[in-house]
Amino acid sequence: MYDLSELYRNKEDLEKFNQELDKRIQEKTAQLQEELQIRKAIETELRIAKEQISVTLHREKELSTIKSKLLDNISHEINTPLTIISSSSFLIENYLNYKQYDEIPKYLNQINEAVKSLNDTVEQASKAYHTFLGDSQSTSSIRNLVDFCDQIIDRIGNMTYGKVIFKKEFSSRIIMAETNFDILEQILTQFLNNAIKFTPEGGKITIKLDEIEDKIVISVIDEGIGISEEEQEHLFELFYRSNSVIGKYHGSGLGLSIAKNLADSINAEIKFKSQLGKGSEFSLIIPKV
């Protein structure tokens, strides 16, 4: 006969063993899962850190390239003004020696223009560097765009001494906007300065202000030299200058690139259309309040 009590004991021992084994397996599984989660977390952190380092290195390389290009550009751009200042000073000295005073104002004016050109070059370079560095502070406020645009047009208009005619086309006398108006002023000033530069004397520059659905559109339309289709695709590239303006108009190729980055910083969009020989239209589109 079988000893049933012994059989039951063996069965109980086996059940206890199985329970203990299950417990250990569960504990080991939990431990492995925890270790796996920790490993995944570490791998994720390492991947993120690697990506951040890659982005930082790329950014540093990009900024280094920009600095190098800025220095090269400044070196090139200041040569002409410095030559003008040097030669004009030499001629003024000669005219003073020979008491030919009537010729002096002409060369003094050339020196003043050269100094202005130097200042513009340095200012543009500084703006470009700080813009691409991301130093622009984005502090928004709510203002009437009509009054804001009036002030900019009056300020710039007073500096043109009647060279061009400004025409305003505002859809309303009250158009409220919430944005960074310091940045907005820089962008519109760039649009207007370009329009003035490339519009012949006596030409017209139109400033339009419209509300279209949930957007506000500020446009500067000139009667200048226009831009060819081939050159339009490069217009916002850093340091790009059209072949048709090199040697004819002073510039660094920074203005529109700066404007594009500034527009991005305030969630605005720049659009343009141009026809060679007929003029250009640059528009800034900002969200409505």
C-alpha atoms as a PDB file:
ATOM      1  CA  MET A   1       0.000   0.000   0.000  1.00  0.00           C
ATOM      2  CA  TYR A   2       1.013   3.589  -0.703  1.00  0.00           C
ATOM      3  CA  ASP A   3       1.673   5.938   2.189  1.00  0.00           C
ATOM      4  CA  LEU A   4      -0.861   8.675   1.394  1.00  0.00           C
ATOM      5  CA  SER A   5       0.460  11.008   4.060  1.00  0.00           C
ATOM      6  CA  GLU A   6       3.883  10.923   2.448  1.00  0.00           C
ATOM      7  CA  LEU A   7       2.303  11.593  -0.927  1.00  0.00           C
ATOM      8  CA  TYR A   8       0.411  14.605   0.425  1.00  0.00           C
ATOM      9  CA  ARG A   9       3.584  15.943   2.030  1.00  0.00           C
ATOM     10  CA  ASN A  10       5.430  15.635  -1.237  1.00  0.00           C
ATOM     11  CA  LYS A  11       2.577  17.386  -3.011  1.00  0.00           C
ATOM     12  CA  GLU A  12       2.591  20.218  -0.453  1.00  0.00           C
ATOM     13  CA  ASP A  13       6.365  20.528  -0.731  1.00  0.00           C
ATOM     14  CA  LEU A  14       6.069  20.661  -4.508  1.00  0.00           C
ATOM     15  CA  GLU A  15       3.378  23.352  -4.320  1.00  0.00           C
ATOM     16  CA  LYS A  16       5.516  25.369  -1.896  1.00  0.00           C
ATOM     17  CA  PHE A  17       8.490  24.966  -4.198  1.00  0.00           C
ATOM     18  CA  ASN A  18       6.416  26.080  -7.177  1.00  0.00           C
ATOM     19  CA  GLN A  19       5.088  29.077  -5.244  1.00  0.00           C
ATOM     20  CA  GLU A  20       8.586  30.029  -4.148  1.00  0.00           C
ATOM     21  CA  LEU A  21       9.826  29.570  -7.697  1.00  0.00           C
ATOM     22  CA  ASP A  22       6.975  31.725  -9.068  1.00  0.00           C
ATOM     23  CA  LYS A  23       7.738  34.385  -6.470  1.00  0.00           C
ATOM     24  CA  ARG A  24      11.425  34.430  -7.373  1.00  0.00           C
ATOM     25  CA  ILE A  25      10.606  34.503 -11.080  1.00  0.00           C
ATOM     26  CA  GLN A  26       8.229  37.454 -10.525  1.00  0.00           C
ATOM     27  CA  GLU A  27      10.821  39.272  -8.420  1.00  0.00           C
ATOM     28  CA  LYS A  28      13.523  38.639 -11.016  1.00  0.00           C
ATOM     29  CA  THR A  29      11.174  39.673 -13.818  1.00  0.00           C
ATOM     30  CA  ALA A  30      10.279  42.879 -11.966  1.00  0.00           C
ATOM     31  CA  GLN A  31      13.975  43.532 -11.349  1.00  0.00           C
ATOM     32  CA  LEU A  32      14.791  42.953 -15.018  1.00  0.00           C
ATOM     33  CA  GLN A  33      11.903  45.201 -16.099  1.00  0.00           C
ATOM     34  CA  GLU A  34      13.108  47.923 -13.745  1.00  0.00           C
ATOM     35  CA  GLU A  35      16.662  47.565 -15.047  1.00  0.00           C
ATOM     36  CA  LEU A  36      15.326  47.638 -18.616  1.00  0.00           C
ATOM     37  CA  GLN A  37      13.347  50.819 -17.889  1.00  0.00           C
ATOM     38  CA  ILE A  38      16.412  52.421 -16.306  1.00  0.00           C
ATOM     39  CA  ARG A  39      18.512  51.383 -19.292  1.00  0.00           C
ATOM     40  CA  LYS A  40      15.927  52.791 -21.711  1.00  0.00           C
ATOM     41  CA  ALA A  41      15.789  56.036 -19.714  1.00  0.00           C
ATOM     42  CA  ILE A  42      19.589  56.298 -19.781  1.00  0.00           C
ATOM     43  CA  GLU A  43      19.650  55.549 -23.508  1.00  0.00           C
ATOM     44  CA  THR A  44      16.978  58.206 -24.081  1.00  0.00           C
ATOM     45  CA  GLU A  45      18.919  60.756 -22.032  1.00  0.00           C
ATOM     46  CA  LEU A  46      22.111  59.900 -23.914  1.00  0.00           C
ATOM     47  CA  ARG A  47      20.316  60.215 -27.257  1.00  0.00           C
ATOM     48  CA  ILE A  48      18.823  63.580 -26.269  1.00  0.00           C
ATOM     49  CA  ALA A  49      22.192  64.771 -24.973  1.00  0.00           C
ATOM     50  CA  LYS A  50      23.850  63.617 -28.196  1.00  0.00           C
ATOM     51  CA  GLU A  51      21.231  65.451 -30.266  1.00  0.00           C
ATOM     52  CA  GLN A  52      21.644  68.598 -28.153  1.00  0.00           C
ATOM     53  CA  ILE A  53      25.424  68.432 -28.524  1.00  0.00           C
ATOM     54  CA  SER A  54      25.010  67.953 -32.275  1.00  0.00           C
ATOM     55  CA  VAL A  55      22.638  70.932 -32.489  1.00  0.00           C
ATOM     56  CA  THR A  56      24.976  73.048 -30.351  1.00  0.00           C
ATOM     57  CA  LEU A  57      28.014  72.119 -32.442  1.00  0.00           C
ATOM     58  CA  HIS A  58      26.083  72.837 -35.641  1.00  0.00           C
ATOM     59  CA  ARG A  59      24.919  76.164 -34.201  1.00  0.00           C
ATOM     60  CA  GLU A  60      28.451  77.067 -33.114  1.00  0.00           C
ATOM     61  CA  LYS A  61      29.769  76.149 -36.546  1.00  0.00           C
ATOM     62  CA  GLU A  62      27.005  78.190 -38.160  1.00  0.00           C
ATOM     63  CA  LEU A  63      27.732  81.211 -35.956  1.00  0.00           C
ATOM     64  CA  SER A  64      31.453  80.859 -36.624  1.00  0.00           C
ATOM     65  CA  THR A  65      30.734  80.853 -40.362  1.00  0.00           C
ATOM     66  CA  ILE A  66      28.472  83.888 -39.996  1.00  0.00           C
ATOM     67  CA  LYS A  67      31.139  85.745 -38.005  1.00  0.00           C
ATOM     68  CA  SER A  68      33.755  84.903 -40.604  1.00  0.00           C
ATOM     69  CA  LYS A  69      31.491  86.015 -43.440  1.00  0.00           C
ATOM     70  CA  LEU A  70      30.559  89.186 -41.561  1.00  0.00           C
ATOM     71  CA  LEU A  71      34.210  90.088 -41.098  1.00  0.00           C
ATOM     72  CA  ASP A  72      34.959  89.389 -44.761  1.00  0.00           C
ATOM     73  CA  ASN A  73      31.912  91.371 -45.796  1.00  0.00           C
ATOM     74  CA  ILE A  74      32.764  94.329 -43.570  1.00  0.00           C
ATOM     75  CA  SER A  75      36.360  94.319 -44.809  1.00  0.00           C
ATOM     76  CA  HIS A  76      35.106  94.447 -48.381  1.00  0.00           C
ATOM     77  CA  GLU A  77      32.354  97.005 -47.752  1.00  0.00           C
ATOM     78  CA  ILE A  78      34.518  99.512 -45.867  1.00  0.00           C
ATOM     79  CA  ASN A  79      37.196  99.675 -48.561  1.00  0.00           C
ATOM     80  CA  THR A  80      35.233 101.972 -50.871  1.00  0.00           C
ATOM     81  CA  PRO A  81      34.113 104.463 -48.166  1.00  0.00           C
ATOM     82  CA  LEU A  82      37.631 104.584 -46.711  1.00  0.00           C
ATOM     83  CA  THR A  83      39.080 105.241 -50.160  1.00  0.00           C
ATOM     84  CA  ILE A  84      36.555 108.044 -50.698  1.00  0.00           C
ATOM     85  CA  ILE A  85      37.376 109.603 -47.315  1.00  0.00           C
ATOM     86  CA  SER A  86      41.110 109.385 -47.969  1.00  0.00           C
ATOM     87  CA  SER A  87      40.985 110.819 -51.499  1.00  0.00           C
ATOM     88  CA  SER A  88      38.456 113.531 -50.574  1.00  0.00           C
ATOM     89  CA  SER A  89      40.563 114.604 -47.589  1.00  0.00           C
ATOM     90  CA  PHE A  90      43.623 114.816 -49.831  1.00  0.00           C
ATOM     91  CA  LEU A  91      41.744 116.937 -52.388  1.00  0.00           C
ATOM     92  CA  ILE A  92      40.282 119.219 -49.701  1.00  0.00           C
ATOM     93  CA  GLU A  93      43.772 119.806 -48.328  1.00  0.00           C
ATOM     94  CA  ASN A  94      44.984 120.763 -51.817  1.00  0.00           C
ATOM     95  CA  TYR A  95      42.023 123.075 -52.416  1.00  0.00           C
ATOM     96  CA  LEU A  96      42.703 124.775 -49.079  1.00  0.00           C
ATOM     97  CA  ASN A  97      46.344 125.276 -50.024  1.00  0.00           C
ATOM     98  CA  TYR A  98      45.337 126.814 -53.354  1.00  0.00           C
ATOM     99  CA  LYS A  99      42.385 128.678 -51.785  1.00  0.00           C
ATOM    100  CA  GLN A 100      39.892 127.033 -54.150  1.00  0.00           C
ATOM    101  CA  TYR A 101      37.122 126.977 -51.558  1.00  0.00           C
ATOM    102  CA  ASP A 102      34.219 126.463 -53.979  1.00  0.00           C
ATOM    103  CA  GLU A 103      35.214 122.821 -54.579  1.00  0.00           C
ATOM    104  CA  ILE A 104      35.416 121.885 -50.901  1.00  0.00           C
ATOM    105  CA  PRO A 105      31.666 121.402 -50.092  1.00  0.00           C
ATOM    106  CA  LYS A 106      31.373 118.731 -52.791  1.00  0.00           C
ATOM    107  CA  TYR A 107      34.101 116.611 -51.199  1.00  0.00           C
ATOM    108  CA  LEU A 108      32.862 117.264 -47.672  1.00  0.00           C
ATOM    109  CA  ASN A 109      29.530 115.854 -48.808  1.00  0.00           C
ATOM    110  CA  GLN A 110      31.304 112.789 -50.200  1.00  0.00           C
ATOM    111  CA  ILE A 111      33.045 112.286 -46.854  1.00  0.00           C
ATOM    112  CA  ASN A 112      29.712 112.560 -45.015  1.00  0.00           C
ATOM    113  CA  GLU A 113      28.151 109.991 -47.353  1.00  0.00           C
ATOM    114  CA  ALA A 114      31.125 107.667 -46.885  1.00  0.00           C
ATOM    115  CA  VAL A 115      30.880 107.951 -43.088  1.00  0.00           C
ATOM    116  CA  LYS A 116      27.158 107.178 -43.297  1.00  0.00           C
ATOM    117  CA  SER A 117      27.958 104.154 -45.441  1.00  0.00           C
ATOM    118  CA  LEU A 118      30.473 102.938 -42.849  1.00  0.00           C
ATOM    119  CA  ASN A 119      27.967 103.389 -40.043  1.00  0.00           C
ATOM    120  CA  ASP A 120      25.295 101.521 -42.011  1.00  0.00           C
ATOM    121  CA  THR A 121      27.662  98.631 -42.696  1.00  0.00           C
ATOM    122  CA  VAL A 122      28.656  98.262 -39.041  1.00  0.00           C
ATOM    123  CA  GLU A 123      25.038  98.610 -37.872  1.00  0.00           C
ATOM    124  CA  GLN A 124      23.808  95.987 -40.344  1.00  0.00           C
ATOM    125  CA  ALA A 125      26.591  93.597 -39.358  1.00  0.00           C
ATOM    126  CA  SER A 126      25.786  94.041 -35.666  1.00  0.00           C
ATOM    127  CA  LYS A 127      22.075  93.486 -36.277  1.00  0.00           C
ATOM    128  CA  ALA A 128      22.774  90.406 -38.366  1.00  0.00           C
ATOM    129  CA  TYR A 129      24.998  88.818 -35.745  1.00  0.00           C
ATOM    130  CA  HIS A 130      22.623  89.444 -32.846  1.00  0.00           C
ATOM    131  CA  THR A 131      19.620  88.360 -34.908  1.00  0.00           C
ATOM    132  CA  PHE A 132      21.183  85.027 -35.867  1.00  0.00           C
ATOM    133  CA  LEU A 133      22.492  84.644 -32.324  1.00  0.00           C
ATOM    134  CA  GLY A 134      18.895  84.852 -31.134  1.00  0.00           C
ATOM    135  CA  ASP A 135      19.375  87.900 -28.916  1.00  0.00           C
ATOM    136  CA  SER A 136      16.172  89.611 -30.054  1.00  0.00           C
ATOM    137  CA  GLN A 137      13.834  90.101 -27.118  1.00  0.00           C
ATOM    138  CA  SER A 138      10.203  89.363 -27.915  1.00  0.00           C
ATOM    139  CA  THR A 139       8.083  91.751 -25.828  1.00  0.00           C
ATOM    140  CA  SER A 140       4.631  92.265 -27.281  1.00  0.00           C
ATOM    141  CA  SER A 141       2.222  95.143 -26.852  1.00  0.00           C
ATOM    142  CA  ILE A 142      -1.069  96.239 -28.415  1.00  0.00           C
ATOM    143  CA  ARG A 143      -1.083  99.371 -30.581  1.00  0.00           C
ATOM    144  CA  ASN A 144      -2.887 100.979 -33.482  1.00  0.00           C
ATOM    145  CA  LEU A 145      -0.888 100.029 -36.588  1.00  0.00           C
ATOM    146  CA  VAL A 146      -2.107 103.073 -38.491  1.00  0.00           C
ATOM    147  CA  ASP A 147      -0.493 105.516 -36.048  1.00  0.00           C
ATOM    148  CA  PHE A 148       2.595 103.301 -35.887  1.00  0.00           C
ATOM    149  CA  CYS A 149       3.028 103.222 -39.688  1.00  0.00           C
ATOM    150  CA  ASP A 150       2.369 106.972 -39.944  1.00  0.00           C
ATOM    151  CA  GLN A 151       5.260 107.658 -37.556  1.00  0.00           C
ATOM    152  CA  ILE A 152       7.683 105.421 -39.462  1.00  0.00           C
ATOM    153  CA  ILE A 153       6.726 106.889 -42.843  1.00  0.00           C
ATOM    154  CA  ASP A 154       7.070 110.459 -41.527  1.00  0.00           C
ATOM    155  CA  ARG A 155      10.459 109.705 -39.964  1.00  0.00           C
ATOM    156  CA  ILE A 156      11.886 108.071 -43.073  1.00  0.00           C
ATOM    157  CA  GLY A 157      10.183 110.545 -45.398  1.00  0.00           C
ATOM    158  CA  ASN A 158      11.919 113.448 -43.666  1.00  0.00           C
ATOM    159  CA  MET A 159      15.265 111.796 -44.423  1.00  0.00           C
ATOM    160  CA  THR A 160      14.623 111.425 -48.170  1.00  0.00           C
ATOM    161  CA  TYR A 161      14.336 115.192 -48.769  1.00  0.00           C
ATOM    162  CA  GLY A 162      11.557 114.698 -51.308  1.00  0.00           C
ATOM    163  CA  LYS A 163      13.446 112.151 -53.428  1.00  0.00           C
ATOM    164  CA  VAL A 164      10.352 109.943 -53.668  1.00  0.00           C
ATOM    165  CA  ILE A 165       6.604 110.347 -53.177  1.00  0.00           C
ATOM    166  CA  PHE A 166       4.933 108.348 -50.404  1.00  0.00           C
ATOM    167  CA  LYS A 167       1.332 107.223 -50.834  1.00  0.00           C
ATOM    168  CA  LYS A 168      -0.690 105.638 -48.021  1.00  0.00           C
ATOM    169  CA  GLU A 169      -3.541 103.209 -48.612  1.00  0.00           C
ATOM    170  CA  PHE A 170      -4.967 102.201 -45.228  1.00  0.00           C
ATOM    171  CA  SER A 171      -8.232 100.243 -45.134  1.00  0.00           C
ATOM    172  CA  SER A 172      -9.148 101.858 -41.801  1.00  0.00           C
ATOM    173  CA  ARG A 173      -7.859 104.472 -39.381  1.00  0.00           C
ATOM    174  CA  ILE A 174      -7.900 101.953 -36.537  1.00  0.00           C
ATOM    175  CA  ILE A 175      -6.200  98.586 -37.042  1.00  0.00           C
ATOM    176  CA  MET A 176      -5.077  97.076 -33.752  1.00  0.00           C
ATOM    177  CA  ALA A 177      -2.225  94.572 -33.553  1.00  0.00           C
ATOM    178  CA  GLU A 178      -0.416  92.713 -30.785  1.00  0.00           C
ATOM    179  CA  THR A 179       3.244  92.171 -31.603  1.00  0.00           C
ATOM    180  CA  ASN A 180       6.792  93.287 -30.824  1.00  0.00           C
ATOM    181  CA  PHE A 181       6.729  96.771 -32.332  1.00  0.00           C
ATOM    182  CA  ASP A 182      10.493  97.282 -32.026  1.00  0.00           C
ATOM    183  CA  ILE A 183      11.061  94.300 -34.300  1.00  0.00           C
ATOM    184  CA  LEU A 184       8.189  95.333 -36.557  1.00  0.00           C
ATOM    185  CA  GLU A 185       9.786  98.760 -36.992  1.00  0.00           C
ATOM    186  CA  GLN A 186      13.103  97.185 -38.020  1.00  0.00           C
ATOM    187  CA  ILE A 187      11.393  95.062 -40.680  1.00  0.00           C
ATOM    188  CA  LEU A 188       9.294  97.892 -42.135  1.00  0.00           C
ATOM    189  CA  THR A 189      12.283 100.241 -42.080  1.00  0.00           C
ATOM    190  CA  GLN A 190      14.222  97.676 -44.123  1.00  0.00           C
ATOM    191  CA  PHE A 191      11.359  97.421 -46.635  1.00  0.00           C
ATOM    192  CA  LEU A 192      11.130 101.202 -46.962  1.00  0.00           C
ATOM    193  CA  ASN A 193      14.893 101.751 -47.198  1.00  0.00           C
ATOM    194  CA  ASN A 194      15.112  99.186 -50.004  1.00  0.00           C
ATOM    195  CA  ALA A 195      12.178 100.785 -51.805  1.00  0.00           C
ATOM    196  CA  ILE A 196      13.796 104.225 -51.554  1.00  0.00           C
ATOM    197  CA  LYS A 197      17.191 102.913 -52.661  1.00  0.00           C
ATOM    198  CA  PHE A 198      15.892 101.276 -55.838  1.00  0.00           C
ATOM    199  CA  THR A 199      13.174 103.776 -56.805  1.00  0.00           C
ATOM    200  CA  PRO A 200      14.256 106.543 -59.200  1.00  0.00           C
ATOM    201  CA  GLU A 201      13.984 110.147 -58.071  1.00  0.00           C
ATOM    202  CA  GLY A 202      10.391 111.349 -58.259  1.00  0.00           C
ATOM    203  CA  GLY A 203       9.067 107.778 -58.150  1.00  0.00           C
ATOM    204  CA  LYS A 204       6.203 106.627 -55.952  1.00  0.00           C
ATOM    205  CA  ILE A 205       6.256 104.283 -52.961  1.00  0.00           C
ATOM    206  CA  THR A 206       2.894 102.979 -51.751  1.00  0.00           C
ATOM    207  CA  ILE A 207       2.339 101.697 -48.221  1.00  0.00           C
ATOM    208  CA  LYS A 208      -0.776  99.551 -47.869  1.00  0.00           C
ATOM    209  CA  LEU A 209      -2.374  98.379 -44.647  1.00  0.00           C
ATOM    210  CA  ASP A 210      -5.192  95.804 -44.840  1.00  0.00           C
ATOM    211  CA  GLU A 211      -7.101  93.398 -42.619  1.00  0.00           C
ATOM    212  CA  ILE A 212      -7.690  90.069 -44.352  1.00  0.00           C
ATOM    213  CA  GLU A 213      -9.642  87.530 -42.285  1.00  0.00           C
ATOM    214  CA  ASP A 214      -7.499  86.782 -39.203  1.00  0.00           C
ATOM    215  CA  LYS A 215      -4.382  88.475 -40.622  1.00  0.00           C
ATOM    216  CA  ILE A 216      -3.019  92.002 -41.008  1.00  0.00           C
ATOM    217  CA  VAL A 217      -1.004  92.721 -44.144  1.00  0.00           C
ATOM    218  CA  ILE A 218       1.461  95.617 -44.386  1.00  0.00           C
ATOM    219  CA  SER A 219       2.807  96.102 -47.913  1.00  0.00           C
ATOM    220  CA  VAL A 220       5.490  98.366 -49.354  1.00  0.00           C
ATOM    221  CA  ILE A 221       5.203  98.762 -53.135  1.00  0.00           C
ATOM    222  CA  ASP A 222       7.858 100.557 -55.164  1.00  0.00           C
ATOM    223  CA  GLU A 223       8.466 101.569 -58.774  1.00  0.00           C
ATOM    224  CA  GLY A 224      12.101 100.512 -58.684  1.00  0.00           C
ATOM    225  CA  ILE A 225      14.320  98.275 -60.764  1.00  0.00           C
ATOM    226  CA  GLY A 226      12.579  95.039 -59.780  1.00  0.00           C
ATOM    227  CA  ILE A 227      14.104  91.593 -59.325  1.00  0.00           C
ATOM    228  CA  SER A 228      14.535  88.893 -61.950  1.00  0.00           C
ATOM    229  CA  GLU A 229      12.887  85.492 -61.428  1.00  0.00           C
ATOM    230  CA  GLU A 230      16.301  83.798 -61.265  1.00  0.00           C
ATOM    231  CA  GLU A 231      17.429  86.038 -58.408  1.00  0.00           C
ATOM    232  CA  GLN A 232      14.178  85.966 -56.430  1.00  0.00           C
ATOM    233  CA  GLU A 233      14.845  82.486 -55.022  1.00  0.00           C
ATOM    234  CA  HIS A 234      18.082  83.718 -53.403  1.00  0.00           C
ATOM    235  CA  LEU A 235      16.655  86.947 -52.012  1.00  0.00           C
ATOM    236  CA  PHE A 236      16.674  85.998 -48.313  1.00  0.00           C
ATOM    237  CA  GLU A 237      20.050  84.270 -48.347  1.00  0.00           C
ATOM    238  CA  LEU A 238      22.697  85.730 -46.074  1.00  0.00           C
ATOM    239  CA  PHE A 239      24.990  88.174 -47.946  1.00  0.00           C
ATOM    240  CA  TYR A 240      23.201  87.644 -51.261  1.00  0.00           C
ATOM    241  CA  ARG A 241      23.282  90.620 -53.619  1.00  0.00           C
ATOM    242  CA  SER A 242      21.778  90.737 -57.081  1.00  0.00           C
ATOM    243  CA  ASN A 243      24.213  91.081 -59.977  1.00  0.00           C
ATOM    244  CA  SER A 244      22.158  94.018 -61.213  1.00  0.00           C
ATOM    245  CA  VAL A 245      22.898  96.099 -58.083  1.00  0.00           C
ATOM    246  CA  ILE A 246      26.542  95.251 -57.365  1.00  0.00           C
ATOM    247  CA  GLY A 247      28.650  98.312 -58.072  1.00  0.00           C
ATOM    248  CA  LYS A 248      25.571 100.514 -58.538  1.00  0.00           C
ATOM    249  CA  TYR A 249      23.947 100.520 -55.104  1.00  0.00           C
ATOM    250  CA  HIS A 250      25.569 100.345 -51.689  1.00  0.00           C
ATOM    251  CA  GLY A 251      24.566  97.329 -49.631  1.00  0.00           C
ATOM    252  CA  SER A 252      25.789  94.374 -47.611  1.00  0.00           C
ATOM    253  CA  GLY A 253      23.307  91.680 -48.607  1.00  0.00           C
ATOM    254  CA  LEU A 254      22.174  91.426 -44.990  1.00  0.00           C
ATOM    255  CA  GLY A 255      18.970  93.454 -44.839  1.00  0.00           C
ATOM    256  CA  LEU A 256      16.348  91.015 -46.106  1.00  0.00           C
ATOM    257  CA  SER A 257      18.014  88.069 -44.391  1.00  0.00           C
ATOM    258  CA  ILE A 258      17.778  89.965 -41.097  1.00  0.00           C
ATOM    259  CA  ALA A 259      14.163  90.919 -41.839  1.00  0.00           C
ATOM    260  CA  LYS A 260      13.259  87.271 -42.497  1.00  0.00           C
ATOM    261  CA  ASN A 261      14.757  86.096 -39.199  1.00  0.00           C
ATOM    262  CA  LEU A 262      13.093  88.936 -37.305  1.00  0.00           C
ATOM    263  CA  ALA A 263       9.738  88.090 -38.887  1.00  0.00           C
ATOM    264  CA  ASP A 264      10.119  84.458 -37.826  1.00  0.00           C
ATOM    265  CA  SER A 265      10.812  85.596 -34.253  1.00  0.00           C
ATOM    266  CA  ILE A 266       7.406  87.345 -34.003  1.00  0.00           C
ATOM    267  CA  ASN A 267       5.416  84.655 -35.826  1.00  0.00           C
ATOM    268  CA  ALA A 268       5.073  86.844 -38.912  1.00  0.00           C
ATOM    269  CA  GLU A 269       5.533  85.992 -42.575  1.00  0.00           C
ATOM    270  CA  ILE A 270       7.193  87.869 -45.425  1.00  0.00           C
ATOM    271  CA  LYS A 271       5.877  87.556 -48.966  1.00  0.00           C
ATOM    272  CA  PHE A 272       6.974  89.401 -52.070  1.00  0.00           C
ATOM    273  CA  LYS A 273       6.386  89.720 -55.769  1.00  0.00           C
ATOM    274  CA  SER A 274       8.529  91.559 -58.254  1.00  0.00           C
ATOM    275  CA  GLN A 275       8.880  92.201 -61.956  1.00  0.00           C
ATOM    276  CA  LEU A 276      12.164  93.223 -63.479  1.00  0.00           C
ATOM    277  CA  GLY A 277      12.096  96.851 -64.567  1.00  0.00           C
ATOM    278  CA  LYS A 278       8.686  97.546 -62.989  1.00  0.00           C
ATOM    279  CA  GLY A 279       9.164  97.336 -59.235  1.00  0.00           C
ATOM    280  CA  SER A 280       8.591  95.152 -56.197  1.00  0.00           C
ATOM    281  CA  GLU A 281       6.040  94.575 -53.470  1.00  0.00           C
ATOM    282  CA  PHE A 282       7.101  93.297 -50.052  1.00  0.00           C
ATOM    283  CA  SER A 283       4.412  92.326 -47.556  1.00  0.00           C
ATOM    284  CA  LEU A 284       4.579  91.498 -43.871  1.00  0.00           C
ATOM    285  CA  ILE A 285       1.727  89.336 -42.596  1.00  0.00           C
ATOM    286  CA  ILE A 286       1.053  89.325 -38.858  1.00  0.00           C
ATOM    287  CA  PRO A 287      -1.712  87.688 -36.790  1.00  0.00           C
ATOM    288  CA  LYS A 288      -4.717  89.850 -35.954  1.00  0.00           C
ATOM    289  CA  VAL A 289      -5.566  90.672 -32.325  1.00  0.00           C
END
